[in-house]
Amino acid sequence: MNKIFKKMGLTLACVLMVTGSAFAAYPERPITMIVPFGAGGSNDLPARVLAGLMEKKLGQPIVIQNVVGAGGTQGTTQIAQAKPDGYTIGFDPTGALCLQPHMKKLPYGVDSFQFIGMATQQPVVLMTSKKASWKNLEEMVEIVKKAPGKYRVGISGVGNMSHVPVIALAKHYGLQFRYVPYRSTPEIMKEIAADRLQFHADMPVALSQYDVYGLIQFSDKKVDNLPMPNSADIGLNKNFIMWQACIAPKGIPTDILKILVDTMREVVNSKEYADAIHRLSMNVWWMEPDEAQKFYEKEFVSYGEALKDAIGK
């Protein structure tokens, strides 16, 4: 009889262990947030702000994993192919999601992700060294026109947001630049400081990080803290707005998604987050998952058309 009770007790203990594991509260271990660009860059910094505030509310660390390469597509591919269990999420920008899939065949597209929410929004800015021989956009255009192919633009990937806006500007003015690919913004800025490059298009946060200044913001609406011309000022009918979203692989369980969405919503709408994002010269931009997905689908088409207009892809 004792043996029977012992077996029953052991069986019950196993059932309780399995049940407890199955219904353990999410998250019960650290979460990985993939950033598809290098540490210290304009995609990495806001991701760290978001992760740092979300982990306080979730009670588990959110570990940033920088996956560098191929214009952000390597890291974005890893997000798409990750197990949809809520323990791998991503912080992804416009270029890797909306431009790169039109450039080459990739293992992800508009149906590959579940949006958790939008985090930031800001115009792309063309920047140059403070030591450059020009002091504004008009002077730059005049000098570059006289030396076709002489001046170099550092890009973080062919056909991404560091590349396509500059092509649009060059076509508008009839300029000829040389485009040189690099793996990250910090690498590009070192080359600009050494005068091996003259230009780079990036998010406004780079203006406060490096010895550069902005020539133009690629938006039809000016941002107050960016004292430079915008697209509308020069008659360039092009908007290149860089947004960043928190995403997960498709198929993430509904209950886990809700926890992530509720947490992110609270953080993005907090004063602490807003203050940190504004210090990076970025704009806070919350958008609910369903709305974000629909917006993404429209942007995907729009940027495909912009890419075709710029480089014929």
Protein backbone atom coordinates (compact mmCIF):
# COMPACT_ATOMS: atom_id res chain seq x y z
CA MET A 1 0.00 0.00 0.00
CA ASN A 2 2.85 2.35 0.91
CA LYS A 3 4.41 1.68 -2.48
CA ILE A 4 1.13 2.59 -4.19
CA PHE A 5 0.88 5.86 -2.24
CA LYS A 6 4.52 6.64 -3.01
CA LYS A 7 3.90 6.11 -6.73
CA MET A 8 0.76 8.23 -6.58
CA GLY A 9 2.66 10.96 -4.75
CA LEU A 10 5.46 10.88 -7.28
CA THR A 11 2.97 11.02 -10.15
CA LEU A 12 1.13 13.95 -8.55
CA ALA A 13 4.42 15.79 -8.02
CA CYS A 14 5.33 15.33 -11.67
CA VAL A 15 1.91 16.58 -12.77
CA LEU A 16 2.24 19.65 -10.56
CA MET A 17 5.74 20.34 -11.93
CA VAL A 18 4.52 20.12 -15.52
CA THR A 19 1.43 22.19 -14.80
CA GLY A 20 3.46 24.85 -12.99
CA SER A 21 5.88 25.04 -15.89
CA ALA A 22 3.10 25.26 -18.48
CA PHE A 23 1.40 28.09 -16.66
CA ALA A 24 4.52 29.97 -15.52
CA ALA A 25 4.06 33.73 -15.81
CA TYR A 26 5.73 35.33 -18.84
CA PRO A 27 8.51 36.32 -18.85
CA GLU A 28 10.32 33.80 -16.67
CA ARG A 29 13.74 34.38 -18.23
CA PRO A 30 15.64 37.16 -20.09
CA ILE A 31 14.32 38.46 -23.42
CA THR A 32 16.59 39.14 -26.39
CA MET A 33 15.99 42.28 -28.44
CA ILE A 34 17.75 42.10 -31.81
CA VAL A 35 18.96 45.41 -33.24
CA PRO A 36 20.08 44.87 -36.86
CA PHE A 37 22.80 47.53 -36.73
CA GLY A 38 25.93 48.24 -34.68
CA ALA A 39 26.23 49.29 -31.05
CA GLY A 40 26.24 53.02 -30.40
CA GLY A 41 24.47 53.90 -33.63
CA SER A 42 21.20 55.68 -34.26
CA ASN A 43 19.19 52.44 -34.19
CA ASP A 44 20.92 51.04 -31.14
CA LEU A 45 20.52 54.00 -28.77
CA PRO A 46 16.70 54.28 -28.77
CA ALA A 47 16.46 50.48 -28.56
CA ARG A 48 18.46 50.58 -25.33
CA VAL A 49 16.20 53.29 -23.93
CA LEU A 50 13.10 51.22 -24.70
CA ALA A 51 14.60 47.94 -23.46
CA GLY A 52 15.85 49.50 -20.24
CA LEU A 53 12.43 50.87 -19.31
CA MET A 54 10.46 47.80 -20.42
CA GLU A 55 12.61 45.39 -18.44
CA LYS A 56 11.87 47.32 -15.24
CA LYS A 57 8.18 46.60 -15.71
CA LEU A 58 8.55 43.04 -16.96
CA GLY A 59 10.88 41.99 -14.16
CA GLN A 60 13.36 40.31 -16.51
CA PRO A 61 16.39 41.68 -18.39
CA ILE A 62 16.00 42.61 -22.06
CA VAL A 63 19.39 41.91 -23.63
CA ILE A 64 20.32 43.88 -26.74
CA GLN A 65 21.89 41.75 -29.47
CA ASN A 66 23.49 43.79 -32.26
CA VAL A 67 23.51 41.86 -35.55
CA VAL A 68 25.47 43.86 -38.11
CA GLY A 69 25.48 43.35 -41.86
CA ALA A 70 23.73 43.59 -45.22
CA GLY A 71 21.93 46.85 -44.54
CA GLY A 72 20.10 45.47 -41.53
CA THR A 73 18.77 42.37 -43.29
CA GLN A 74 20.84 39.83 -41.35
CA GLY A 75 19.40 40.89 -38.03
CA THR A 76 15.90 41.33 -39.44
CA THR A 77 16.08 37.80 -40.88
CA GLN A 78 17.01 36.46 -37.45
CA ILE A 79 13.94 38.18 -35.97
CA ALA A 80 11.66 36.70 -38.62
CA GLN A 81 13.09 33.20 -38.16
CA ALA A 82 13.19 33.20 -34.35
CA LYS A 83 10.91 31.00 -32.28
CA PRO A 84 7.68 33.00 -31.71
CA ASP A 85 7.66 32.53 -27.94
CA GLY A 86 8.14 36.14 -26.84
CA TYR A 87 11.78 35.65 -25.88
CA THR A 88 13.17 37.08 -29.13
CA ILE A 89 11.88 40.44 -30.32
CA GLY A 90 13.39 43.10 -32.54
CA PHE A 91 13.87 46.84 -32.85
CA ASP A 92 13.80 47.55 -36.56
CA PRO A 93 13.88 50.68 -38.74
CA THR A 94 12.22 51.64 -42.01
CA GLY A 95 15.06 50.72 -44.35
CA ALA A 96 15.49 47.07 -43.37
CA LEU A 97 11.72 46.51 -43.40
CA CYS A 98 10.58 48.61 -46.37
CA LEU A 99 13.53 49.14 -48.73
CA GLN A 100 15.81 46.11 -48.59
CA PRO A 101 13.13 43.54 -49.55
CA HIS A 102 12.75 45.40 -52.86
CA MET A 103 16.50 45.23 -53.49
CA LYS A 104 16.98 41.47 -53.24
CA LYS A 105 15.18 38.26 -52.39
CA LEU A 106 14.96 37.95 -48.62
CA PRO A 107 13.41 35.35 -46.30
CA TYR A 108 11.00 37.95 -44.90
CA GLY A 109 8.34 40.36 -46.11
CA VAL A 110 5.22 42.19 -44.96
CA ASP A 111 3.68 39.00 -43.54
CA SER A 112 6.70 37.89 -41.52
CA PHE A 113 6.26 39.95 -38.37
CA GLN A 114 3.88 40.76 -35.57
CA PHE A 115 4.13 44.42 -34.63
CA ILE A 116 4.27 45.18 -30.92
CA GLY A 117 4.19 48.93 -31.53
CA MET A 118 5.91 51.95 -33.04
CA ALA A 119 8.57 53.65 -30.94
CA THR A 120 10.08 56.66 -32.74
CA GLN A 121 9.80 58.77 -35.87
CA GLN A 122 12.13 61.37 -37.38
CA PRO A 123 13.25 62.63 -40.80
CA VAL A 124 16.47 61.44 -42.38
CA VAL A 125 19.09 64.20 -42.39
CA LEU A 126 21.97 64.66 -44.82
CA MET A 127 24.99 65.63 -42.73
CA THR A 128 28.52 66.73 -43.44
CA SER A 129 31.69 67.64 -41.56
CA LYS A 130 31.86 70.99 -39.77
CA LYS A 131 35.30 71.34 -41.40
CA ALA A 132 33.89 71.08 -44.94
CA SER A 133 34.56 73.90 -47.39
CA TRP A 134 30.80 74.56 -47.74
CA LYS A 135 28.68 76.02 -44.95
CA ASN A 136 25.16 75.34 -46.24
CA LEU A 137 23.22 73.37 -48.84
CA GLU A 138 23.50 76.01 -51.57
CA GLU A 139 27.30 76.21 -51.28
CA MET A 140 27.57 72.41 -51.23
CA VAL A 141 25.54 72.06 -54.44
CA GLU A 142 27.67 74.68 -56.21
CA ILE A 143 30.97 73.04 -55.21
CA VAL A 144 29.92 69.43 -55.88
CA LYS A 145 28.54 70.29 -59.32
CA LYS A 146 31.98 71.49 -60.38
CA ALA A 147 33.64 68.18 -59.46
CA PRO A 148 31.44 65.23 -60.58
CA GLY A 149 32.36 61.99 -58.78
CA LYS A 150 34.90 63.60 -56.47
CA TYR A 151 32.89 63.71 -53.24
CA ARG A 152 31.96 60.59 -51.29
CA VAL A 153 28.87 59.55 -49.39
CA GLY A 154 29.18 56.92 -46.67
CA ILE A 155 26.26 54.48 -46.70
CA SER A 156 25.37 51.60 -44.36
CA GLY A 157 23.82 49.56 -47.17
CA VAL A 158 22.94 49.84 -50.84
CA GLY A 159 19.33 50.86 -51.30
CA ASN A 160 18.68 51.73 -47.66
CA MET A 161 17.81 54.98 -45.88
CA SER A 162 21.41 56.19 -45.90
CA HIS A 163 21.51 55.75 -49.68
CA VAL A 164 18.16 56.38 -51.42
CA PRO A 165 17.47 59.89 -50.02
CA VAL A 166 20.90 61.09 -51.19
CA ILE A 167 20.27 59.67 -54.66
CA ALA A 168 16.98 61.58 -54.76
CA LEU A 169 18.76 64.80 -53.77
CA ALA A 170 21.52 64.20 -56.33
CA LYS A 171 18.95 63.70 -59.11
CA HIS A 172 17.14 66.84 -58.04
CA TYR A 173 20.27 68.98 -58.38
CA GLY A 174 22.13 67.02 -61.05
CA LEU A 175 24.97 66.00 -58.73
CA GLN A 176 27.30 63.02 -59.00
CA PHE A 177 28.49 61.44 -55.75
CA ARG A 178 30.52 58.33 -55.04
CA TYR A 179 28.78 55.95 -52.63
CA VAL A 180 30.98 53.93 -50.27
CA PRO A 181 29.43 51.16 -48.11
CA TYR A 182 30.34 50.67 -44.44
CA ARG A 183 29.00 48.44 -41.69
CA SER A 184 27.94 51.10 -39.19
CA THR A 185 27.44 54.80 -38.53
CA PRO A 186 30.43 55.05 -36.12
CA GLU A 187 32.72 53.72 -38.88
CA ILE A 188 31.33 56.25 -41.35
CA MET A 189 31.77 59.14 -38.94
CA LYS A 190 35.42 58.22 -38.35
CA GLU A 191 35.96 58.41 -42.10
CA ILE A 192 34.21 61.78 -42.28
CA ALA A 193 36.43 63.08 -39.44
CA ALA A 194 39.47 61.90 -41.44
CA ASP A 195 38.06 63.62 -44.58
CA ARG A 196 37.91 60.35 -46.51
CA LEU A 197 34.14 60.83 -46.76
CA GLN A 198 32.15 64.05 -47.01
CA PHE A 199 28.50 63.04 -46.45
CA HIS A 200 26.20 60.65 -44.62
CA ALA A 201 22.40 60.47 -44.34
CA ASP A 202 21.16 59.30 -40.97
CA MET A 203 18.80 60.05 -38.12
CA PRO A 204 19.16 63.37 -36.25
CA VAL A 205 20.73 61.76 -33.18
CA ALA A 206 24.05 61.57 -35.07
CA LEU A 207 24.19 65.38 -35.14
CA SER A 208 24.78 65.49 -31.39
CA GLN A 209 27.16 62.53 -31.35
CA TYR A 210 29.67 63.56 -33.98
CA ASP A 211 31.41 66.63 -35.38
CA VAL A 212 28.90 67.09 -38.20
CA TYR A 213 26.01 69.37 -39.07
CA GLY A 214 22.84 68.95 -41.10
CA LEU A 215 22.41 70.24 -44.64
CA ILE A 216 18.79 69.19 -45.24
CA GLN A 217 16.03 67.19 -43.57
CA PHE A 218 14.14 64.92 -45.97
CA SER A 219 10.62 65.86 -44.91
CA ASP A 220 7.91 68.23 -46.04
CA LYS A 221 7.40 69.27 -42.40
CA LYS A 222 10.18 70.84 -40.37
CA VAL A 223 11.22 69.52 -36.99
CA ASP A 224 11.65 72.37 -34.53
CA ASN A 225 15.04 71.33 -33.22
CA LEU A 226 16.53 70.83 -36.70
CA PRO A 227 17.52 74.30 -37.96
CA MET A 228 18.06 73.44 -41.62
CA PRO A 229 16.05 73.43 -44.87
CA ASN A 230 13.61 70.63 -45.56
CA SER A 231 12.49 68.93 -48.76
CA ALA A 232 9.66 71.40 -49.34
CA ASP A 233 12.06 74.36 -49.12
CA ILE A 234 14.01 73.19 -52.16
CA GLY A 235 11.09 71.81 -54.14
CA LEU A 236 12.05 68.17 -53.62
CA ASN A 237 8.80 66.26 -53.41
CA LYS A 238 10.26 63.43 -51.35
CA ASN A 239 9.74 62.36 -47.74
CA PHE A 240 12.15 59.95 -46.12
CA ILE A 241 10.91 59.47 -42.59
CA MET A 242 12.78 56.99 -40.43
CA TRP A 243 10.52 55.16 -37.99
CA GLN A 244 11.51 52.40 -35.63
CA ALA A 245 9.24 49.65 -34.43
CA CYS A 246 9.34 46.87 -31.90
CA ILE A 247 8.43 43.63 -33.67
CA ALA A 248 8.18 39.91 -33.00
CA PRO A 249 8.16 36.83 -35.23
CA LYS A 250 4.76 35.96 -36.66
CA GLY A 251 2.83 33.51 -34.50
CA ILE A 252 3.62 34.87 -31.05
CA PRO A 253 0.92 33.73 -28.57
CA THR A 254 -1.84 36.27 -27.98
CA ASP A 255 -1.42 36.39 -24.20
CA ILE A 256 2.33 37.02 -24.46
CA LEU A 257 1.80 39.63 -27.16
CA LYS A 258 -0.66 41.45 -24.91
CA ILE A 259 1.90 41.64 -22.10
CA LEU A 260 4.52 43.07 -24.45
CA VAL A 261 2.09 45.55 -26.04
CA ASP A 262 0.73 46.75 -22.70
CA THR A 263 4.26 47.19 -21.36
CA MET A 264 5.56 48.99 -24.42
CA ARG A 265 2.52 51.26 -24.59
CA GLU A 266 3.01 52.33 -20.98
CA VAL A 267 6.73 52.98 -21.53
CA VAL A 268 6.43 54.87 -24.84
CA ASN A 269 3.75 57.13 -23.36
CA SER A 270 5.80 57.87 -20.24
CA LYS A 271 7.64 61.13 -19.53
CA GLU A 272 10.84 59.23 -18.76
CA TYR A 273 10.88 57.68 -22.23
CA ALA A 274 9.91 60.96 -23.93
CA ASP A 275 12.71 62.87 -22.18
CA ALA A 276 15.31 60.25 -23.16
CA ILE A 277 14.13 60.09 -26.78
CA HIS A 278 14.07 63.87 -27.16
CA ARG A 279 17.66 64.00 -25.90
CA LEU A 280 18.47 61.81 -28.91
CA SER A 281 16.79 64.40 -31.21
CA MET A 282 14.04 61.91 -31.98
CA ASN A 283 10.26 62.07 -31.76
CA VAL A 284 8.17 59.70 -29.67
CA TRP A 285 5.62 57.88 -31.79
CA TRP A 286 3.30 55.24 -30.38
CA MET A 287 1.07 53.22 -32.68
CA GLU A 288 -1.03 50.19 -31.74
CA PRO A 289 -0.09 46.82 -33.34
CA ASP A 290 -2.95 46.56 -35.87
CA GLU A 291 -2.55 50.18 -36.96
CA ALA A 292 1.23 49.74 -37.19
CA GLN A 293 0.84 46.66 -39.41
CA LYS A 294 -1.44 48.51 -41.82
CA PHE A 295 0.90 51.50 -41.85
CA TYR A 296 3.85 49.19 -42.55
CA GLU A 297 2.09 47.63 -45.53
CA LYS A 298 1.48 51.08 -47.04
CA GLU A 299 5.06 52.15 -46.38
CA PHE A 300 6.35 48.97 -47.99
CA VAL A 301 4.62 49.88 -51.24
CA SER A 302 5.54 53.56 -51.02
CA TYR A 303 9.24 52.94 -50.47
CA GLY A 304 9.29 50.37 -53.24
CA GLU A 305 8.10 53.10 -55.58
CA ALA A 306 10.66 55.57 -54.18
CA LEU A 307 13.44 53.04 -54.72
CA LYS A 308 12.36 52.42 -58.29
CA ASP A 309 12.34 56.15 -58.95
CA ALA A 310 15.79 56.58 -57.38
CA ILE A 311 17.77 53.67 -58.78
CA GLY A 312 15.41 51.83 -61.12
CA LYS A 313 14.90 48.78 -58.87
